[in-house]
């Protein structure tokens, strides 16, 4: 059915008492909503830059070792790290 035909058909149904104007309006709203849902596109979310800081290393043994930066290798507990 074409939109114009649908409107005329609904009008005649209301006049004949087979439906109410409220039901016609509700179905029209539902049709519009379905059309909108079909047109909706999933938009990608904005990518946010994640800033990684070393604030958690301040005051720790690892933070001090990394801050020096002159040693070729360092040990943290029983683990040895090579700085290459």
PDB file of N, CA and C in Angstrom:
ATOM      1  N   UNK A   1       0.826  -1.200   0.000  1.00  0.00           N
ATOM      2  CA  UNK A   1       0.000   0.000   0.000  1.00  0.00           C
ATOM      3  C   UNK A   1       0.862   1.252   0.000  1.00  0.00           C
ATOM      4  N   UNK A   2       0.388   2.246  -0.689  1.00  0.00           N
ATOM      5  CA  UNK A   2       1.066   3.533  -0.715  1.00  0.00           C
ATOM      6  C   UNK A   2       0.602   4.324   0.505  1.00  0.00           C
ATOM      7  N   UNK A   3       1.429   5.277   0.943  1.00  0.00           N
ATOM      8  CA  UNK A   3       1.091   6.051   2.142  1.00  0.00           C
ATOM      9  C   UNK A   3      -0.286   6.697   2.038  1.00  0.00           C
ATOM     10  N   UNK A   4      -0.570   7.286   0.892  1.00  0.00           N
ATOM     11  CA  UNK A   4      -1.843   7.984   0.710  1.00  0.00           C
ATOM     12  C   UNK A   4      -3.014   7.006   0.835  1.00  0.00           C
ATOM     13  N   UNK A   5      -2.862   5.834   0.220  1.00  0.00           N
ATOM     14  CA  UNK A   5      -3.912   4.816   0.301  1.00  0.00           C
ATOM     15  C   UNK A   5      -4.103   4.360   1.745  1.00  0.00           C
ATOM     16  N   UNK A   6      -3.011   4.227   2.460  1.00  0.00           N
ATOM     17  CA  UNK A   6      -3.071   3.769   3.848  1.00  0.00           C
ATOM     18  C   UNK A   6      -3.847   4.774   4.710  1.00  0.00           C
ATOM     19  N   UNK A   7      -3.569   6.068   4.500  1.00  0.00           N
ATOM     20  CA  UNK A   7      -4.249   7.112   5.276  1.00  0.00           C
ATOM     21  C   UNK A   7      -5.755   7.088   5.009  1.00  0.00           C
ATOM     22  N   UNK A   8      -6.124   6.952   3.758  1.00  0.00           N
ATOM     23  CA  UNK A   8      -7.552   6.888   3.398  1.00  0.00           C
ATOM     24  C   UNK A   8      -8.207   5.652   4.012  1.00  0.00           C
ATOM     25  N   UNK A   9      -7.508   4.540   3.935  1.00  0.00           N
ATOM     26  CA  UNK A   9      -8.020   3.286   4.476  1.00  0.00           C
ATOM     27  C   UNK A   9      -8.247   3.404   5.986  1.00  0.00           C
ATOM     28  N   UNK A  10      -7.244   3.981   6.695  1.00  0.00           N
ATOM     29  CA  UNK A  10      -7.369   4.170   8.144  1.00  0.00           C
ATOM     30  C   UNK A  10      -8.541   5.086   8.477  1.00  0.00           C
ATOM     31  N   UNK A  11      -8.705   6.132   7.681  1.00  0.00           N
ATOM     32  CA  UNK A  11      -9.794   7.094   7.907  1.00  0.00           C
ATOM     33  C   UNK A  11     -11.157   6.397   7.800  1.00  0.00           C
ATOM     34  N   UNK A  12     -11.289   5.540   6.787  1.00  0.00           N
ATOM     35  CA  UNK A  12     -12.557   4.827   6.587  1.00  0.00           C
ATOM     36  C   UNK A  12     -12.817   3.823   7.710  1.00  0.00           C
ATOM     37  N   UNK A  13     -11.744   3.179   8.187  1.00  0.00           N
ATOM     38  CA  UNK A  13     -11.906   2.237   9.298  1.00  0.00           C
ATOM     39  C   UNK A  13     -12.404   2.948  10.554  1.00  0.00           C
ATOM     40  N   UNK A  14     -11.855   4.140  10.820  1.00  0.00           N
ATOM     41  CA  UNK A  14     -12.262   4.917  11.994  1.00  0.00           C
ATOM     42  C   UNK A  14     -13.715   5.357  11.838  1.00  0.00           C
ATOM     43  N   UNK A  15     -14.077   5.831  10.636  1.00  0.00           N
ATOM     44  CA  UNK A  15     -15.452   6.293  10.392  1.00  0.00           C
ATOM     45  C   UNK A  15     -16.455   5.158  10.552  1.00  0.00           C
ATOM     46  N   UNK A  16     -16.041   3.949  10.133  1.00  0.00           N
ATOM     47  CA  UNK A  16     -16.939   2.800  10.230  1.00  0.00           C
ATOM     48  C   UNK A  16     -16.985   2.238  11.654  1.00  0.00           C
ATOM     49  N   UNK A  17     -16.096   2.713  12.513  1.00  0.00           N
ATOM     50  CA  UNK A  17     -16.092   2.245  13.899  1.00  0.00           C
ATOM     51  C   UNK A  17     -15.360   0.932  14.092  1.00  0.00           C
ATOM     52  N   UNK A  18     -14.578   0.517  13.096  1.00  0.00           N
ATOM     53  CA  UNK A  18     -13.854  -0.749  13.209  1.00  0.00           C
ATOM     54  C   UNK A  18     -12.539  -0.608  13.984  1.00  0.00           C
ATOM     55  N   UNK A  19     -12.085   0.621  14.128  1.00  0.00           N
ATOM     56  CA  UNK A  19     -10.878   0.889  14.912  1.00  0.00           C
ATOM     57  C   UNK A  19     -10.994   2.287  15.504  1.00  0.00           C
ATOM     58  N   UNK A  20     -10.054   2.650  16.345  1.00  0.00           N
ATOM     59  CA  UNK A  20     -10.083   3.993  16.933  1.00  0.00           C
ATOM     60  C   UNK A  20      -8.910   4.804  16.390  1.00  0.00           C
ATOM     61  N   UNK A  21      -9.023   6.108  16.499  1.00  0.00           N
ATOM     62  CA  UNK A  21      -7.951   6.984  16.022  1.00  0.00           C
ATOM     63  C   UNK A  21      -6.666   6.745  16.821  1.00  0.00           C
ATOM     64  N   UNK A  22      -6.825   6.412  18.093  1.00  0.00           N
ATOM     65  CA  UNK A  22      -5.656   6.147  18.939  1.00  0.00           C
ATOM     66  C   UNK A  22      -4.872   4.941  18.423  1.00  0.00           C
ATOM     67  N   UNK A  23      -5.598   3.900  18.008  1.00  0.00           N
ATOM     68  CA  UNK A  23      -4.928   2.705  17.475  1.00  0.00           C
ATOM     69  C   UNK A  23      -4.238   3.012  16.152  1.00  0.00           C
ATOM     70  N   UNK A  24      -4.875   3.836  15.337  1.00  0.00           N
ATOM     71  CA  UNK A  24      -4.284   4.227  14.052  1.00  0.00           C
ATOM     72  C   UNK A  24      -2.997   5.008  14.301  1.00  0.00           C
ATOM     73  N   UNK A  25      -3.065   5.957  15.245  1.00  0.00           N
ATOM     74  CA  UNK A  25      -1.881   6.761  15.573  1.00  0.00           C
ATOM     75  C   UNK A  25      -0.755   5.885  16.125  1.00  0.00           C
ATOM     76  N   UNK A  26      -1.125   4.927  16.954  1.00  0.00           N
ATOM     77  CA  UNK A  26      -0.122   4.041  17.552  1.00  0.00           C
ATOM     78  C   UNK A  26       0.571   3.206  16.483  1.00  0.00           C
ATOM     79  N   UNK A  27      -0.201   2.682  15.554  1.00  0.00           N
ATOM     80  CA  UNK A  27       0.408   1.858  14.503  1.00  0.00           C
ATOM     81  C   UNK A  27       1.283   2.711  13.586  1.00  0.00           C
ATOM     82  N   UNK A  28       0.865   3.967  13.364  1.00  0.00           N
ATOM     83  CA  UNK A  28       1.670   4.876  12.535  1.00  0.00           C
ATOM     84  C   UNK A  28       3.015   5.171  13.218  1.00  0.00           C
ATOM     85  N   UNK A  29       2.945   5.409  14.537  1.00  0.00           N
ATOM     86  CA  UNK A  29       4.190   5.657  15.287  1.00  0.00           C
ATOM     87  C   UNK A  29       5.107   4.439  15.244  1.00  0.00           C
ATOM     88  N   UNK A  30       4.505   3.267  15.362  1.00  0.00           N
ATOM     89  CA  UNK A  30       5.286   2.032  15.349  1.00  0.00           C
ATOM     90  C   UNK A  30       5.966   1.834  13.991  1.00  0.00           C
ATOM     91  N   UNK A  31       5.242   2.140  12.917  1.00  0.00           N
ATOM     92  CA  UNK A  31       5.822   2.018  11.578  1.00  0.00           C
ATOM     93  C   UNK A  31       6.993   2.979  11.406  1.00  0.00           C
ATOM     94  N   UNK A  32       6.826   4.209  11.882  1.00  0.00           N
ATOM     95  CA  UNK A  32       7.909   5.195  11.789  1.00  0.00           C
ATOM     96  C   UNK A  32       9.125   4.740  12.586  1.00  0.00           C
ATOM     97  N   UNK A  33       8.867   4.184  13.776  1.00  0.00           N
ATOM     98  CA  UNK A  33       9.967   3.715  14.619  1.00  0.00           C
ATOM     99  C   UNK A  33      10.735   2.587  13.936  1.00  0.00           C
ATOM    100  N   UNK A  34      10.004   1.678  13.307  1.00  0.00           N
ATOM    101  CA  UNK A  34      10.665   0.568  12.610  1.00  0.00           C
ATOM    102  C   UNK A  34      11.516   1.072  11.455  1.00  0.00           C
ATOM    103  N   UNK A  35      11.019   2.077  10.748  1.00  0.00           N
ATOM    104  CA  UNK A  35      11.806   2.654   9.657  1.00  0.00           C
ATOM    105  C   UNK A  35      13.088   3.278  10.196  1.00  0.00           C
ATOM    106  N   UNK A  36      12.983   3.978  11.321  1.00  0.00           N
ATOM    107  CA  UNK A  36      14.168   4.600  11.928  1.00  0.00           C
ATOM    108  C   UNK A  36      15.173   3.540  12.355  1.00  0.00           C
ATOM    109  N   UNK A  37      14.677   2.452  12.940  1.00  0.00           N
ATOM    110  CA  UNK A  37      15.573   1.394  13.406  1.00  0.00           C
ATOM    111  C   UNK A  37      16.337   0.781  12.247  1.00  0.00           C
ATOM    112  N   UNK A  38      15.684   0.660  11.094  1.00  0.00           N
ATOM    113  CA  UNK A  38      16.351   0.104   9.924  1.00  0.00           C
ATOM    114  C   UNK A  38      17.460   1.024   9.433  1.00  0.00           C
ATOM    115  N   UNK A  39      17.261   2.327   9.585  1.00  0.00           N
ATOM    116  CA  UNK A  39      18.232   3.298   9.087  1.00  0.00           C
ATOM    117  C   UNK A  39      19.402   3.509  10.034  1.00  0.00           C
ATOM    118  N   UNK A  40      19.238   3.110  11.308  1.00  0.00           N
ATOM    119  CA  UNK A  40      20.291   3.353  12.300  1.00  0.00           C
ATOM    120  C   UNK A  40      21.576   2.644  11.900  1.00  0.00           C
ATOM    121  N   UNK A  41      22.691   3.342  12.085  1.00  0.00           N
ATOM    122  CA  UNK A  41      23.993   2.751  11.803  1.00  0.00           C
ATOM    123  C   UNK A  41      24.774   2.682  13.108  1.00  0.00           C
ATOM    124  N   UNK A  42      25.513   1.624  13.245  1.00  0.00           N
ATOM    125  CA  UNK A  42      26.372   1.515  14.417  1.00  0.00           C
ATOM    126  C   UNK A  42      27.581   2.406  14.201  1.00  0.00           C
ATOM    127  N   UNK A  43      27.714   3.395  15.033  1.00  0.00           N
ATOM    128  CA  UNK A  43      28.844   4.310  14.904  1.00  0.00           C
ATOM    129  C   UNK A  43      29.989   3.825  15.772  1.00  0.00           C
ATOM    130  N   UNK A  44      31.190   3.817  15.216  1.00  0.00           N
ATOM    131  CA  UNK A  44      32.326   3.371  16.032  1.00  0.00           C
ATOM    132  C   UNK A  44      32.594   4.347  17.169  1.00  0.00           C
ATOM    133  N   UNK A  45      32.941   3.815  18.296  1.00  0.00           N
ATOM    134  CA  UNK A  45      33.240   4.672  19.441  1.00  0.00           C
ATOM    135  C   UNK A  45      34.581   5.343  19.228  1.00  0.00           C
ATOM    136  N   UNK A  46      34.690   6.541  19.781  1.00  0.00           N
ATOM    137  CA  UNK A  46      35.939   7.281  19.648  1.00  0.00           C
ATOM    138  C   UNK A  46      37.040   6.565  20.419  1.00  0.00           C
ATOM    139  N   UNK A  47      38.180   6.448  19.763  1.00  0.00           N
ATOM    140  CA  UNK A  47      39.330   5.845  20.426  1.00  0.00           C
ATOM    141  C   UNK A  47      39.964   6.880  21.345  1.00  0.00           C
ATOM    142  N   UNK A  48      40.238   6.478  22.537  1.00  0.00           N
ATOM    143  CA  UNK A  48      40.857   7.394  23.491  1.00  0.00           C
ATOM    144  C   UNK A  48      42.315   7.007  23.681  1.00  0.00           C
ATOM    145  N   UNK A  49      43.158   8.009  23.744  1.00  0.00           N
ATOM    146  CA  UNK A  49      44.576   7.756  23.996  1.00  0.00           C
ATOM    147  C   UNK A  49      44.760   7.373  25.456  1.00  0.00           C
ATOM    148  N   UNK A  50      45.494   6.316  25.653  1.00  0.00           N
ATOM    149  CA  UNK A  50      45.778   5.882  27.011  1.00  0.00           C
ATOM    150  C   UNK A  50      47.197   6.334  27.338  1.00  0.00           C
ATOM    151  N   UNK A  51      47.317   7.128  28.356  1.00  0.00           N
ATOM    152  CA  UNK A  51      48.632   7.610  28.758  1.00  0.00           C
ATOM    153  C   UNK A  51      49.151   6.721  29.882  1.00  0.00           C
ATOM    154  N   UNK A  52      50.312   6.159  29.625  1.00  0.00           N
ATOM    155  CA  UNK A  52      50.924   5.300  30.632  1.00  0.00           C
ATOM    156  C   UNK A  52      52.049   6.094  31.284  1.00  0.00           C
ATOM    157  N   UNK A  53      51.975   6.234  32.567  1.00  0.00           N
ATOM    158  CA  UNK A  53      53.017   6.963  33.293  1.00  0.00           C
ATOM    159  C   UNK A  53      53.697   6.011  34.262  1.00  0.00           C
ATOM    160  N   UNK A  54      54.847   6.429  34.713  1.00  0.00           N
ATOM    161  CA  UNK A  54      55.603   5.600  35.653  1.00  0.00           C
ATOM    162  C   UNK A  54      55.478   6.103  37.082  1.00  0.00           C
ATOM    163  N   UNK A  55      54.378   6.764  37.393  1.00  0.00           N
ATOM    164  CA  UNK A  55      54.190   7.297  38.742  1.00  0.00           C
ATOM    165  C   UNK A  55      54.209   6.191  39.794  1.00  0.00           C
ATOM    166  N   UNK A  56      53.763   5.007  39.404  1.00  0.00           N
ATOM    167  CA  UNK A  56      53.723   3.918  40.382  1.00  0.00           C
ATOM    168  C   UNK A  56      55.126   3.404  40.719  1.00  0.00           C
ATOM    169  N   UNK A  57      56.148   3.783  39.902  1.00  0.00           N
ATOM    170  CA  UNK A  57      57.510   3.330  40.166  1.00  0.00           C
ATOM    171  C   UNK A  57      58.280   4.273  41.086  1.00  0.00           C
ATOM    172  N   UNK A  58      57.732   5.468  41.321  1.00  0.00           N
ATOM    173  CA  UNK A  58      58.421   6.446  42.161  1.00  0.00           C
ATOM    174  C   UNK A  58      58.543   5.896  43.579  1.00  0.00           C
ATOM    175  N   UNK A  59      59.770   5.925  44.086  1.00  0.00           N
ATOM    176  CA  UNK A  59      60.011   5.449  45.447  1.00  0.00           C
ATOM    177  C   UNK A  59      60.201   3.951  45.562  1.00  0.00           C
ATOM    178  N   UNK A  60      60.190   3.226  44.439  1.00  0.00           N
ATOM    179  CA  UNK A  60      60.415   1.780  44.498  1.00  0.00           C
ATOM    180  C   UNK A  60      61.831   1.478  44.036  1.00  0.00           C
ATOM    181  N   UNK A  61      62.290   0.291  44.359  1.00  0.00           N
ATOM    182  CA  UNK A  61      63.648  -0.118  43.974  1.00  0.00           C
ATOM    183  C   UNK A  61      63.773  -0.158  42.450  1.00  0.00           C
ATOM    184  N   UNK A  62      62.780  -0.710  41.789  1.00  0.00           N
ATOM    185  CA  UNK A  62      62.816  -0.779  40.322  1.00  0.00           C
ATOM    186  C   UNK A  62      62.841   0.620  39.716  1.00  0.00           C
ATOM    187  N   UNK A  63      62.063   1.515  40.281  1.00  0.00           N
ATOM    188  CA  UNK A  63      62.044   2.893  39.791  1.00  0.00           C
ATOM    189  C   UNK A  63      63.397   3.558  39.915  1.00  0.00           C
ATOM    190  N   UNK A  64      64.080   3.326  41.033  1.00  0.00           N
ATOM    191  CA  UNK A  64      65.416   3.907  41.235  1.00  0.00           C
ATOM    192  C   UNK A  64      66.414   3.337  40.237  1.00  0.00           C
ATOM    193  N   UNK A  65      66.351   2.025  40.017  1.00  0.00           N
ATOM    194  CA  UNK A  65      67.279   1.373  39.086  1.00  0.00           C
ATOM    195  C   UNK A  65      67.054   1.891  37.670  1.00  0.00           C
ATOM    196  N   UNK A  66      65.799   1.994  37.271  1.00  0.00           N
ATOM    197  CA  UNK A  66      65.498   2.486  35.921  1.00  0.00           C
ATOM    198  C   UNK A  66      65.887   3.949  35.771  1.00  0.00           C
ATOM    199  N   UNK A  67      65.766   4.732  36.836  1.00  0.00           N
ATOM    200  CA  UNK A  67      66.110   6.150  36.778  1.00  0.00           C
ATOM    201  C   UNK A  67      67.607   6.345  36.584  1.00  0.00           C
ATOM    202  N   UNK A  68      68.417   5.454  37.181  1.00  0.00           N
ATOM    203  CA  UNK A  68      69.869   5.564  37.022  1.00  0.00           C
ATOM    204  C   UNK A  68      70.250   5.363  35.560  1.00  0.00           C
ATOM    205  N   UNK A  69      69.803   4.271  34.988  1.00  0.00           N
ATOM    206  CA  UNK A  69      70.000   4.018  33.566  1.00  0.00           C
ATOM    207  C   UNK A  69      71.425   3.744  33.137  1.00  0.00           C
ATOM    208  N   UNK A  70      72.365   3.668  34.041  1.00  0.00           N
ATOM    209  CA  UNK A  70      73.753   3.499  33.626  1.00  0.00           C
ATOM    210  C   UNK A  70      74.207   2.042  33.715  1.00  0.00           C
ATOM    211  N   UNK A  71      73.567   1.263  34.516  1.00  0.00           N
ATOM    212  CA  UNK A  71      73.983  -0.133  34.679  1.00  0.00           C
ATOM    213  C   UNK A  71      73.562  -0.955  33.467  1.00  0.00           C
ATOM    214  N   UNK A  72      74.380  -1.953  33.152  1.00  0.00           N
ATOM    215  CA  UNK A  72      74.054  -2.825  32.022  1.00  0.00           C
ATOM    216  C   UNK A  72      73.061  -3.900  32.447  1.00  0.00           C
ATOM    217  N   UNK A  73      73.155  -4.316  33.674  1.00  0.00           N
ATOM    218  CA  UNK A  73      72.181  -5.273  34.200  1.00  0.00           C
ATOM    219  C   UNK A  73      71.913  -4.941  35.656  1.00  0.00           C
ATOM    220  N   UNK A  74      70.771  -5.334  36.113  1.00  0.00           N
ATOM    221  CA  UNK A  74      70.430  -5.080  37.504  1.00  0.00           C
ATOM    222  C   UNK A  74      69.637  -6.251  38.037  1.00  0.00           C
ATOM    223  N   UNK A  75      69.642  -6.405  39.335  1.00  0.00           N
ATOM    224  CA  UNK A  75      68.881  -7.496  39.933  1.00  0.00           C
ATOM    225  C   UNK A  75      67.814  -6.909  40.840  1.00  0.00           C
ATOM    226  N   UNK A  76      66.685  -7.525  40.771  1.00  0.00           N
ATOM    227  CA  UNK A  76      65.574  -7.115  41.617  1.00  0.00           C
ATOM    228  C   UNK A  76      65.136  -8.368  42.368  1.00  0.00           C
ATOM    229  N   UNK A  77      65.524  -8.461  43.607  1.00  0.00           N
ATOM    230  CA  UNK A  77      65.285  -9.696  44.344  1.00  0.00           C
ATOM    231  C   UNK A  77      66.206 -10.766  43.794  1.00  0.00           C
ATOM    232  N   UNK A  78      65.655 -11.910  43.403  1.00  0.00           N
ATOM    233  CA  UNK A  78      66.461 -13.003  42.872  1.00  0.00           C
ATOM    234  C   UNK A  78      66.520 -12.978  41.349  1.00  0.00           C
ATOM    235  N   UNK A  79      65.841 -12.028  40.727  1.00  0.00           N
ATOM    236  CA  UNK A  79      65.755 -11.994  39.264  1.00  0.00           C
ATOM    237  C   UNK A  79      66.755 -10.990  38.718  1.00  0.00           C
ATOM    238  N   UNK A  80      67.497 -11.411  37.675  1.00  0.00           N
ATOM    239  CA  UNK A  80      68.453 -10.502  37.033  1.00  0.00           C
ATOM    240  C   UNK A  80      67.862 -10.026  35.712  1.00  0.00           C
ATOM    241  N   UNK A  81      67.983  -8.721  35.451  1.00  0.00           N
ATOM    242  CA  UNK A  81      67.493  -8.128  34.215  1.00  0.00           C
ATOM    243  C   UNK A  81      68.665  -7.578  33.432  1.00  0.00           C
ATOM    244  N   UNK A  82      68.677  -7.825  32.130  1.00  0.00           N
ATOM    245  CA  UNK A  82      69.681  -7.212  31.251  1.00  0.00           C
ATOM    246  C   UNK A  82      69.083  -5.960  30.663  1.00  0.00           C
ATOM    247  N   UNK A  83      69.847  -4.878  30.671  1.00  0.00           N
ATOM    248  CA  UNK A  83      69.355  -3.615  30.098  1.00  0.00           C
ATOM    249  C   UNK A  83      69.866  -3.497  28.673  1.00  0.00           C
ATOM    250  N   UNK A  84      69.274  -4.177  27.756  1.00  0.00           N
ATOM    251  CA  UNK A  84      69.668  -4.092  26.339  1.00  0.00           C
ATOM    252  C   UNK A  84      68.468  -3.711  25.520  1.00  0.00           C
TER     253      UNK A  84
END
